[in-house]
Amino acid sequence: MKKLSVMVLVLGLVLVALAGCGPKKAVDTSAGGSGAAAGKKIVVGIDDKFAPMGFRDDNNEIVGFDIDFARAAGEQMGREMEFQPIDWKSKESELMSGRIDLIWNGYTINEDRKAKVLFTKPYLKNSQVVAVLDKSDITKLSDLEGKEVGLQSLSSAADALDSSVLKSKVKVSEYADNVLALSDLKNGRTKAVVIDEVVIKYYMSKEHETFRLLEEALSPEEYGVGVKKGNEELLNELQAALDELNKNGKAAEISEKWFGEDKVLK
């Protein structure tokens, strides 16, 4: 009887071992992600005062074109997008430290930034323009000589002004965000603001007869998504998702919602 019990025990252990050696279940990548990356959260660094690309609405919810575009890309990739407001002056440092995975909020592609981050293909065209109050007597760039001009610190607006003929002819006031810069313009503390065209046109659509743009633009540019150097896997995964959103019409749909037209680069 004792021998029989031992034999039953040994047989049971053998069957358990054989079950453990059976074929392993395949990873489900049907949601769009690949292998171990599928389902992993992606942290997106944004400036939450950069309407209409990414900003807080009246309910303090983060909304905007880039927010919708990122979420759609996340769905395509089978990944959750988490939006992390950051100090825009430290955006590359945030990316390189690993605190965020992407810089995605009207992030202008230029040579200096290319040396620091990887970029997706451009997805939207923009220009740096000069906004003044509608009642201002300033009509051209030369009228700004000797006057106070506002802009967002360490932004492409600052780069555009630095490379223009105005660089040494105006006094510059730098702000943490465009909201503060436009507030000082309305209060008369500055005479103009250098700003992204896509941003100021959004404010002009909300505040009729407040602002006016000078006809001379400072710099044409394009927006892209920034990825940490060395992370080509994420870059390629994201680019494939953006390409698909262009093909299936979702990118155009999001653009129509925020701009009233399809502005996304194909």
C-alpha atoms as a PDB file:
ATOM      1  CA  MET A   1       0.000   0.000   0.000  1.00  0.00           C
ATOM      2  CA  LYS A   2       2.840   2.322   0.890  1.00  0.00           C
ATOM      3  CA  LYS A   3       4.588   1.522  -2.422  1.00  0.00           C
ATOM      4  CA  LEU A   4       1.371   2.248  -4.327  1.00  0.00           C
ATOM      5  CA  SER A   5       1.067   5.699  -2.672  1.00  0.00           C
ATOM      6  CA  VAL A   6       4.648   6.567  -3.616  1.00  0.00           C
ATOM      7  CA  MET A   7       4.031   5.519  -7.222  1.00  0.00           C
ATOM      8  CA  VAL A   8       0.880   7.670  -7.441  1.00  0.00           C
ATOM      9  CA  LEU A   9       2.783  10.670  -6.050  1.00  0.00           C
ATOM     10  CA  VAL A  10       5.638  10.240  -8.526  1.00  0.00           C
ATOM     11  CA  LEU A  11       3.185   9.877 -11.413  1.00  0.00           C
ATOM     12  CA  GLY A  12       1.420  13.087 -10.361  1.00  0.00           C
ATOM     13  CA  LEU A  13       4.703  15.024 -10.282  1.00  0.00           C
ATOM     14  CA  VAL A  14       5.626  13.770 -13.753  1.00  0.00           C
ATOM     15  CA  LEU A  15       2.279  14.882 -15.194  1.00  0.00           C
ATOM     16  CA  VAL A  16       2.674  18.377 -13.666  1.00  0.00           C
ATOM     17  CA  ALA A  17       6.177  18.680 -15.131  1.00  0.00           C
ATOM     18  CA  LEU A  18       4.943  17.620 -18.571  1.00  0.00           C
ATOM     19  CA  ALA A  19       2.117  20.192 -18.422  1.00  0.00           C
ATOM     20  CA  GLY A  20       4.665  22.934 -17.668  1.00  0.00           C
ATOM     21  CA  CYS A  21       6.615  22.010 -20.808  1.00  0.00           C
ATOM     22  CA  GLY A  22       3.604  22.478 -23.066  1.00  0.00           C
ATOM     23  CA  PRO A  23       3.434  25.195 -25.766  1.00  0.00           C
ATOM     24  CA  LYS A  24       3.352  28.772 -24.414  1.00  0.00           C
ATOM     25  CA  LYS A  25       0.500  31.105 -25.305  1.00  0.00           C
ATOM     26  CA  ALA A  26       1.432  33.658 -28.003  1.00  0.00           C
ATOM     27  CA  VAL A  27       1.522  37.353 -27.134  1.00  0.00           C
ATOM     28  CA  ASP A  28      -1.587  39.085 -28.437  1.00  0.00           C
ATOM     29  CA  THR A  29      -0.494  42.017 -30.636  1.00  0.00           C
ATOM     30  CA  SER A  30      -3.858  42.552 -32.319  1.00  0.00           C
ATOM     31  CA  ALA A  31      -4.278  45.953 -30.628  1.00  0.00           C
ATOM     32  CA  GLY A  32      -1.490  47.351 -32.788  1.00  0.00           C
ATOM     33  CA  GLY A  33       1.539  47.241 -30.467  1.00  0.00           C
ATOM     34  CA  SER A  34       4.439  44.826 -30.957  1.00  0.00           C
ATOM     35  CA  GLY A  35       5.664  42.189 -28.524  1.00  0.00           C
ATOM     36  CA  ALA A  36       6.717  43.413 -25.088  1.00  0.00           C
ATOM     37  CA  ALA A  37       6.020  47.046 -26.050  1.00  0.00           C
ATOM     38  CA  ALA A  38       2.315  46.428 -26.634  1.00  0.00           C
ATOM     39  CA  GLY A  39       0.172  48.071 -23.999  1.00  0.00           C
ATOM     40  CA  LYS A  40       3.058  49.939 -22.366  1.00  0.00           C
ATOM     41  CA  LYS A  41       2.170  53.496 -21.348  1.00  0.00           C
ATOM     42  CA  ILE A  42       3.819  56.378 -23.217  1.00  0.00           C
ATOM     43  CA  VAL A  43       4.370  59.650 -21.313  1.00  0.00           C
ATOM     44  CA  VAL A  44       3.953  62.729 -23.522  1.00  0.00           C
ATOM     45  CA  GLY A  45       5.500  66.016 -22.396  1.00  0.00           C
ATOM     46  CA  ILE A  46       3.356  69.051 -23.218  1.00  0.00           C
ATOM     47  CA  ASP A  47       2.983  72.777 -22.597  1.00  0.00           C
ATOM     48  CA  ASP A  48      -0.578  72.903 -21.260  1.00  0.00           C
ATOM     49  CA  LYS A  49      -0.997  76.568 -22.246  1.00  0.00           C
ATOM     50  CA  PHE A  50      -0.373  76.167 -25.963  1.00  0.00           C
ATOM     51  CA  ALA A  51      -3.807  76.398 -27.563  1.00  0.00           C
ATOM     52  CA  PRO A  52      -5.007  74.918 -29.845  1.00  0.00           C
ATOM     53  CA  MET A  53      -2.267  72.261 -29.826  1.00  0.00           C
ATOM     54  CA  GLY A  54      -2.457  71.327 -26.136  1.00  0.00           C
ATOM     55  CA  PHE A  55      -4.148  73.304 -23.363  1.00  0.00           C
ATOM     56  CA  ARG A  56      -6.661  73.142 -20.527  1.00  0.00           C
ATOM     57  CA  ASP A  57     -10.326  73.810 -21.259  1.00  0.00           C
ATOM     58  CA  ASP A  58     -12.895  75.415 -18.946  1.00  0.00           C
ATOM     59  CA  ASN A  59     -13.156  72.129 -17.045  1.00  0.00           C
ATOM     60  CA  ASN A  60      -9.370  71.986 -16.576  1.00  0.00           C
ATOM     61  CA  GLU A  61      -9.185  69.021 -18.943  1.00  0.00           C
ATOM     62  CA  ILE A  62      -6.176  68.803 -21.267  1.00  0.00           C
ATOM     63  CA  VAL A  63      -7.427  69.098 -24.856  1.00  0.00           C
ATOM     64  CA  GLY A  64      -6.174  70.183 -28.265  1.00  0.00           C
ATOM     65  CA  PHE A  65      -5.146  69.053 -31.722  1.00  0.00           C
ATOM     66  CA  ASP A  66      -1.919  67.388 -30.572  1.00  0.00           C
ATOM     67  CA  ILE A  67      -3.743  65.716 -27.686  1.00  0.00           C
ATOM     68  CA  ASP A  68      -6.325  64.152 -30.009  1.00  0.00           C
ATOM     69  CA  PHE A  69      -3.629  63.252 -32.539  1.00  0.00           C
ATOM     70  CA  ALA A  70      -1.489  61.577 -29.867  1.00  0.00           C
ATOM     71  CA  ARG A  71      -4.443  59.633 -28.470  1.00  0.00           C
ATOM     72  CA  ALA A  72      -5.349  58.402 -31.958  1.00  0.00           C
ATOM     73  CA  ALA A  73      -1.744  57.312 -32.515  1.00  0.00           C
ATOM     74  CA  GLY A  74      -1.782  55.545 -29.147  1.00  0.00           C
ATOM     75  CA  GLU A  75      -4.914  53.625 -30.118  1.00  0.00           C
ATOM     76  CA  GLN A  76      -3.261  52.645 -33.393  1.00  0.00           C
ATOM     77  CA  MET A  77      -0.211  51.410 -31.474  1.00  0.00           C
ATOM     78  CA  GLY A  78      -2.206  49.677 -28.735  1.00  0.00           C
ATOM     79  CA  ARG A  79      -0.562  52.008 -26.198  1.00  0.00           C
ATOM     80  CA  GLU A  80      -1.960  54.394 -23.579  1.00  0.00           C
ATOM     81  CA  MET A  81      -0.862  58.035 -23.881  1.00  0.00           C
ATOM     82  CA  GLU A  82      -0.346  59.890 -20.585  1.00  0.00           C
ATOM     83  CA  PHE A  83       0.015  63.677 -20.882  1.00  0.00           C
ATOM     84  CA  GLN A  84       2.545  65.311 -18.566  1.00  0.00           C
ATOM     85  CA  PRO A  85       2.678  69.140 -18.393  1.00  0.00           C
ATOM     86  CA  ILE A  86       6.312  70.250 -18.248  1.00  0.00           C
ATOM     87  CA  ASP A  87       8.366  73.416 -18.078  1.00  0.00           C
ATOM     88  CA  TRP A  88       8.826  74.017 -21.815  1.00  0.00           C
ATOM     89  CA  LYS A  89      12.264  75.506 -21.213  1.00  0.00           C
ATOM     90  CA  SER A  90      13.403  72.086 -19.947  1.00  0.00           C
ATOM     91  CA  LYS A  91      11.694  69.902 -22.545  1.00  0.00           C
ATOM     92  CA  GLU A  92      14.837  68.248 -23.941  1.00  0.00           C
ATOM     93  CA  SER A  93      16.200  67.635 -20.430  1.00  0.00           C
ATOM     94  CA  GLU A  94      12.888  65.989 -19.453  1.00  0.00           C
ATOM     95  CA  LEU A  95      13.153  63.720 -22.491  1.00  0.00           C
ATOM     96  CA  MET A  96      16.800  62.786 -22.014  1.00  0.00           C
ATOM     97  CA  SER A  97      16.240  62.023 -18.318  1.00  0.00           C
ATOM     98  CA  GLY A  98      13.494  59.531 -19.179  1.00  0.00           C
ATOM     99  CA  ARG A  99      10.766  61.393 -17.263  1.00  0.00           C
ATOM    100  CA  ILE A 100       8.854  61.694 -20.533  1.00  0.00           C
ATOM    101  CA  ASP A 101       8.941  59.542 -23.678  1.00  0.00           C
ATOM    102  CA  LEU A 102       7.847  62.130 -26.256  1.00  0.00           C
ATOM    103  CA  ILE A 103       7.813  65.895 -26.772  1.00  0.00           C
ATOM    104  CA  TRP A 104       4.561  66.489 -28.624  1.00  0.00           C
ATOM    105  CA  ASN A 105       2.991  69.926 -28.489  1.00  0.00           C
ATOM    106  CA  GLY A 106       3.738  72.213 -31.416  1.00  0.00           C
ATOM    107  CA  TYR A 107       7.413  71.200 -31.264  1.00  0.00           C
ATOM    108  CA  THR A 108       9.261  72.914 -34.103  1.00  0.00           C
ATOM    109  CA  ILE A 109      11.887  70.933 -36.014  1.00  0.00           C
ATOM    110  CA  ASN A 110      15.226  72.739 -36.326  1.00  0.00           C
ATOM    111  CA  GLU A 111      18.893  71.822 -36.631  1.00  0.00           C
ATOM    112  CA  ASP A 112      19.723  72.587 -32.997  1.00  0.00           C
ATOM    113  CA  ARG A 113      16.971  70.279 -31.756  1.00  0.00           C
ATOM    114  CA  LYS A 114      17.892  67.570 -34.271  1.00  0.00           C
ATOM    115  CA  ALA A 115      21.239  67.348 -32.511  1.00  0.00           C
ATOM    116  CA  LYS A 116      19.433  66.569 -29.242  1.00  0.00           C
ATOM    117  CA  VAL A 117      16.415  64.429 -30.191  1.00  0.00           C
ATOM    118  CA  LEU A 118      15.016  62.163 -32.891  1.00  0.00           C
ATOM    119  CA  PHE A 119      12.100  63.574 -34.897  1.00  0.00           C
ATOM    120  CA  THR A 120       9.153  62.039 -36.687  1.00  0.00           C
ATOM    121  CA  LYS A 121       8.405  63.321 -40.162  1.00  0.00           C
ATOM    122  CA  PRO A 122       6.824  66.828 -40.079  1.00  0.00           C
ATOM    123  CA  TYR A 123       3.064  66.686 -39.587  1.00  0.00           C
ATOM    124  CA  LEU A 124       2.029  70.359 -39.618  1.00  0.00           C
ATOM    125  CA  LYS A 125       3.285  73.626 -41.151  1.00  0.00           C
ATOM    126  CA  ASN A 126       3.541  76.797 -39.094  1.00  0.00           C
ATOM    127  CA  SER A 127       5.173  80.244 -39.138  1.00  0.00           C
ATOM    128  CA  GLN A 128       6.432  82.628 -36.504  1.00  0.00           C
ATOM    129  CA  VAL A 129       4.437  85.850 -36.817  1.00  0.00           C
ATOM    130  CA  VAL A 130       4.157  89.158 -34.992  1.00  0.00           C
ATOM    131  CA  ALA A 131       0.902  90.012 -33.233  1.00  0.00           C
ATOM    132  CA  VAL A 132      -0.056  93.521 -32.126  1.00  0.00           C
ATOM    133  CA  LEU A 133      -3.241  94.955 -30.707  1.00  0.00           C
ATOM    134  CA  ASP A 134      -5.822  95.697 -33.372  1.00  0.00           C
ATOM    135  CA  LYS A 135      -5.835  99.386 -32.376  1.00  0.00           C
ATOM    136  CA  SER A 136      -2.010  99.653 -32.585  1.00  0.00           C
ATOM    137  CA  ASP A 137      -0.392 102.035 -35.076  1.00  0.00           C
ATOM    138  CA  ILE A 138       2.341  99.443 -35.765  1.00  0.00           C
ATOM    139  CA  THR A 139       1.942  98.162 -39.328  1.00  0.00           C
ATOM    140  CA  LYS A 140       5.354  96.730 -40.277  1.00  0.00           C
ATOM    141  CA  LEU A 141       8.400  95.131 -38.645  1.00  0.00           C
ATOM    142  CA  SER A 142      10.480  98.304 -38.823  1.00  0.00           C
ATOM    143  CA  ASP A 143       7.880 100.068 -36.631  1.00  0.00           C
ATOM    144  CA  LEU A 144       9.006  97.820 -33.747  1.00  0.00           C
ATOM    145  CA  GLU A 145      12.477  99.352 -33.458  1.00  0.00           C
ATOM    146  CA  GLY A 146      13.166 100.433 -29.878  1.00  0.00           C
ATOM    147  CA  LYS A 147       9.928  98.880 -28.604  1.00  0.00           C
ATOM    148  CA  GLU A 148       9.239  96.075 -26.098  1.00  0.00           C
ATOM    149  CA  VAL A 149       8.427  92.727 -27.738  1.00  0.00           C
ATOM    150  CA  GLY A 150       7.220  89.650 -25.843  1.00  0.00           C
ATOM    151  CA  LEU A 151       7.724  85.951 -26.591  1.00  0.00           C
ATOM    152  CA  GLN A 152       7.826  82.548 -24.918  1.00  0.00           C
ATOM    153  CA  SER A 153      11.239  81.775 -23.427  1.00  0.00           C
ATOM    154  CA  LEU A 154      13.414  79.197 -25.231  1.00  0.00           C
ATOM    155  CA  SER A 155      10.798  78.727 -27.955  1.00  0.00           C
ATOM    156  CA  SER A 156      11.033  78.773 -31.743  1.00  0.00           C
ATOM    157  CA  ALA A 157       9.674  82.330 -31.508  1.00  0.00           C
ATOM    158  CA  ALA A 158      12.905  83.290 -29.733  1.00  0.00           C
ATOM    159  CA  ASP A 159      14.938  81.512 -32.428  1.00  0.00           C
ATOM    160  CA  ALA A 160      13.028  83.339 -35.178  1.00  0.00           C
ATOM    161  CA  LEU A 161      13.579  86.736 -33.571  1.00  0.00           C
ATOM    162  CA  ASP A 162      17.274  85.996 -33.011  1.00  0.00           C
ATOM    163  CA  SER A 163      17.741  85.278 -36.717  1.00  0.00           C
ATOM    164  CA  SER A 164      15.781  88.324 -37.909  1.00  0.00           C
ATOM    165  CA  VAL A 165      16.821  91.916 -38.620  1.00  0.00           C
ATOM    166  CA  LEU A 166      14.997  92.927 -35.428  1.00  0.00           C
ATOM    167  CA  LYS A 167      17.377  91.050 -33.122  1.00  0.00           C
ATOM    168  CA  SER A 168      19.350  94.090 -31.922  1.00  0.00           C
ATOM    169  CA  LYS A 169      16.628  96.668 -32.533  1.00  0.00           C
ATOM    170  CA  VAL A 170      13.961  95.657 -30.015  1.00  0.00           C
ATOM    171  CA  LYS A 171      13.750  95.066 -26.268  1.00  0.00           C
ATOM    172  CA  VAL A 172      12.709  91.493 -25.493  1.00  0.00           C
ATOM    173  CA  SER A 173      10.526  90.335 -22.607  1.00  0.00           C
ATOM    174  CA  GLU A 174      10.487  86.554 -22.129  1.00  0.00           C
ATOM    175  CA  TYR A 175       7.567  84.637 -20.617  1.00  0.00           C
ATOM    176  CA  ALA A 176       6.960  81.097 -19.415  1.00  0.00           C
ATOM    177  CA  ASP A 177       4.072  80.711 -21.879  1.00  0.00           C
ATOM    178  CA  ASN A 178       2.125  82.502 -24.605  1.00  0.00           C
ATOM    179  CA  VAL A 179      -0.828  83.218 -22.336  1.00  0.00           C
ATOM    180  CA  LEU A 180       1.319  85.497 -20.158  1.00  0.00           C
ATOM    181  CA  ALA A 181       2.914  87.106 -23.214  1.00  0.00           C
ATOM    182  CA  LEU A 182      -0.478  87.946 -24.751  1.00  0.00           C
ATOM    183  CA  SER A 183      -1.784  89.183 -21.396  1.00  0.00           C
ATOM    184  CA  ASP A 184       1.030  91.755 -21.167  1.00  0.00           C
ATOM    185  CA  LEU A 185       0.360  92.800 -24.761  1.00  0.00           C
ATOM    186  CA  LYS A 186      -3.303  93.440 -23.917  1.00  0.00           C
ATOM    187  CA  ASN A 187      -2.266  95.362 -20.810  1.00  0.00           C
ATOM    188  CA  GLY A 188       0.065  97.582 -22.814  1.00  0.00           C
ATOM    189  CA  ARG A 189       3.277  96.397 -21.140  1.00  0.00           C
ATOM    190  CA  THR A 190       4.606  95.271 -24.528  1.00  0.00           C
ATOM    191  CA  LYS A 191       3.862  96.450 -28.053  1.00  0.00           C
ATOM    192  CA  ALA A 192       3.983  93.113 -29.873  1.00  0.00           C
ATOM    193  CA  VAL A 193       4.352  89.368 -29.377  1.00  0.00           C
ATOM    194  CA  VAL A 194       6.298  86.955 -31.584  1.00  0.00           C
ATOM    195  CA  ILE A 195       4.212  83.791 -31.623  1.00  0.00           C
ATOM    196  CA  ASP A 196       3.254  80.673 -33.601  1.00  0.00           C
ATOM    197  CA  GLU A 197       0.754  81.526 -36.308  1.00  0.00           C
ATOM    198  CA  VAL A 198      -1.395  78.493 -35.497  1.00  0.00           C
ATOM    199  CA  VAL A 199      -1.624  79.660 -31.862  1.00  0.00           C
ATOM    200  CA  ILE A 200      -2.440  83.321 -32.397  1.00  0.00           C
ATOM    201  CA  LYS A 201      -5.035  82.533 -35.047  1.00  0.00           C
ATOM    202  CA  TYR A 202      -6.809  80.355 -32.490  1.00  0.00           C
ATOM    203  CA  TYR A 203      -6.884  83.259 -30.006  1.00  0.00           C
ATOM    204  CA  MET A 204      -8.018  85.641 -32.741  1.00  0.00           C
ATOM    205  CA  SER A 205     -10.944  83.333 -33.495  1.00  0.00           C
ATOM    206  CA  LYS A 206     -11.965  83.563 -29.823  1.00  0.00           C
ATOM    207  CA  GLU A 207     -11.184  87.230 -29.172  1.00  0.00           C
ATOM    208  CA  HIS A 208     -12.420  89.111 -32.213  1.00  0.00           C
ATOM    209  CA  GLU A 209     -10.933  92.580 -32.853  1.00  0.00           C
ATOM    210  CA  THR A 210      -8.307  92.178 -30.108  1.00  0.00           C
ATOM    211  CA  PHE A 211      -5.225  91.206 -32.115  1.00  0.00           C
ATOM    212  CA  ARG A 212      -3.867  91.876 -35.583  1.00  0.00           C
ATOM    213  CA  LEU A 213      -0.982  90.235 -37.428  1.00  0.00           C
ATOM    214  CA  LEU A 214       1.741  92.078 -39.312  1.00  0.00           C
ATOM    215  CA  GLU A 215       1.962  90.962 -42.935  1.00  0.00           C
ATOM    216  CA  GLU A 216       5.666  90.109 -42.663  1.00  0.00           C
ATOM    217  CA  ALA A 217       6.252  86.699 -41.068  1.00  0.00           C
ATOM    218  CA  LEU A 218       9.577  85.981 -39.384  1.00  0.00           C
ATOM    219  CA  SER A 219      10.109  82.299 -40.098  1.00  0.00           C
ATOM    220  CA  PRO A 220       8.306  79.360 -41.749  1.00  0.00           C
ATOM    221  CA  GLU A 221       8.628  76.078 -39.838  1.00  0.00           C
ATOM    222  CA  GLU A 222       7.221  72.585 -39.331  1.00  0.00           C
ATOM    223  CA  TYR A 223       6.091  70.652 -36.275  1.00  0.00           C
ATOM    224  CA  GLY A 224       7.287  67.152 -35.422  1.00  0.00           C
ATOM    225  CA  VAL A 225       7.271  64.775 -32.440  1.00  0.00           C
ATOM    226  CA  GLY A 226      10.507  64.490 -30.451  1.00  0.00           C
ATOM    227  CA  VAL A 227      11.795  61.069 -29.329  1.00  0.00           C
ATOM    228  CA  LYS A 228      14.829  60.331 -27.144  1.00  0.00           C
ATOM    229  CA  LYS A 229      18.053  59.665 -29.053  1.00  0.00           C
ATOM    230  CA  GLY A 230      18.692  55.935 -29.299  1.00  0.00           C
ATOM    231  CA  ASN A 231      15.004  55.009 -29.115  1.00  0.00           C
ATOM    232  CA  GLU A 232      14.534  54.250 -32.812  1.00  0.00           C
ATOM    233  CA  GLU A 233      12.105  51.451 -31.917  1.00  0.00           C
ATOM    234  CA  LEU A 234       9.586  53.910 -30.453  1.00  0.00           C
ATOM    235  CA  LEU A 235      10.218  56.401 -33.271  1.00  0.00           C
ATOM    236  CA  ASN A 236       9.483  53.806 -35.952  1.00  0.00           C
ATOM    237  CA  GLU A 237       6.435  52.482 -34.101  1.00  0.00           C
ATOM    238  CA  LEU A 238       5.033  56.001 -33.739  1.00  0.00           C
ATOM    239  CA  GLN A 239       5.777  56.990 -37.332  1.00  0.00           C
ATOM    240  CA  ALA A 240       3.987  53.892 -38.613  1.00  0.00           C
ATOM    241  CA  ALA A 241       0.940  54.872 -36.542  1.00  0.00           C
ATOM    242  CA  LEU A 242       0.994  58.472 -37.836  1.00  0.00           C
ATOM    243  CA  ASP A 243       1.278  57.233 -41.418  1.00  0.00           C
ATOM    244  CA  GLU A 244      -1.742  55.001 -40.884  1.00  0.00           C
ATOM    245  CA  LEU A 245      -3.764  57.892 -39.424  1.00  0.00           C
ATOM    246  CA  ASN A 246      -3.050  59.811 -42.617  1.00  0.00           C
ATOM    247  CA  LYS A 247      -4.124  56.867 -44.770  1.00  0.00           C
ATOM    248  CA  ASN A 248      -7.364  56.102 -42.945  1.00  0.00           C
ATOM    249  CA  GLY A 249      -8.488  59.753 -42.740  1.00  0.00           C
ATOM    250  CA  LYS A 250      -8.357  60.069 -38.951  1.00  0.00           C
ATOM    251  CA  ALA A 251      -5.641  62.760 -39.068  1.00  0.00           C
ATOM    252  CA  ALA A 252      -7.735  64.855 -41.466  1.00  0.00           C
ATOM    253  CA  GLU A 253     -10.775  64.396 -39.215  1.00  0.00           C
ATOM    254  CA  ILE A 254      -8.877  65.703 -36.175  1.00  0.00           C
ATOM    255  CA  SER A 255      -7.533  68.652 -38.183  1.00  0.00           C
ATOM    256  CA  GLU A 256     -11.037  69.577 -39.383  1.00  0.00           C
ATOM    257  CA  LYS A 257     -12.199  69.572 -35.761  1.00  0.00           C
ATOM    258  CA  TRP A 258      -9.530  72.039 -34.584  1.00  0.00           C
ATOM    259  CA  PHE A 259      -8.715  74.101 -37.689  1.00  0.00           C
ATOM    260  CA  GLY A 260     -11.775  73.779 -39.891  1.00  0.00           C
ATOM    261  CA  GLU A 261      -9.619  72.280 -42.658  1.00  0.00           C
ATOM    262  CA  ASP A 262      -7.154  69.483 -43.316  1.00  0.00           C
ATOM    263  CA  LYS A 263      -3.749  71.004 -42.485  1.00  0.00           C
ATOM    264  CA  VAL A 264      -1.871  67.772 -41.757  1.00  0.00           C
ATOM    265  CA  LEU A 265       1.169  67.105 -43.959  1.00  0.00           C
ATOM    266  CA  LYS A 266       0.977  63.878 -45.927  1.00  0.00           C
END
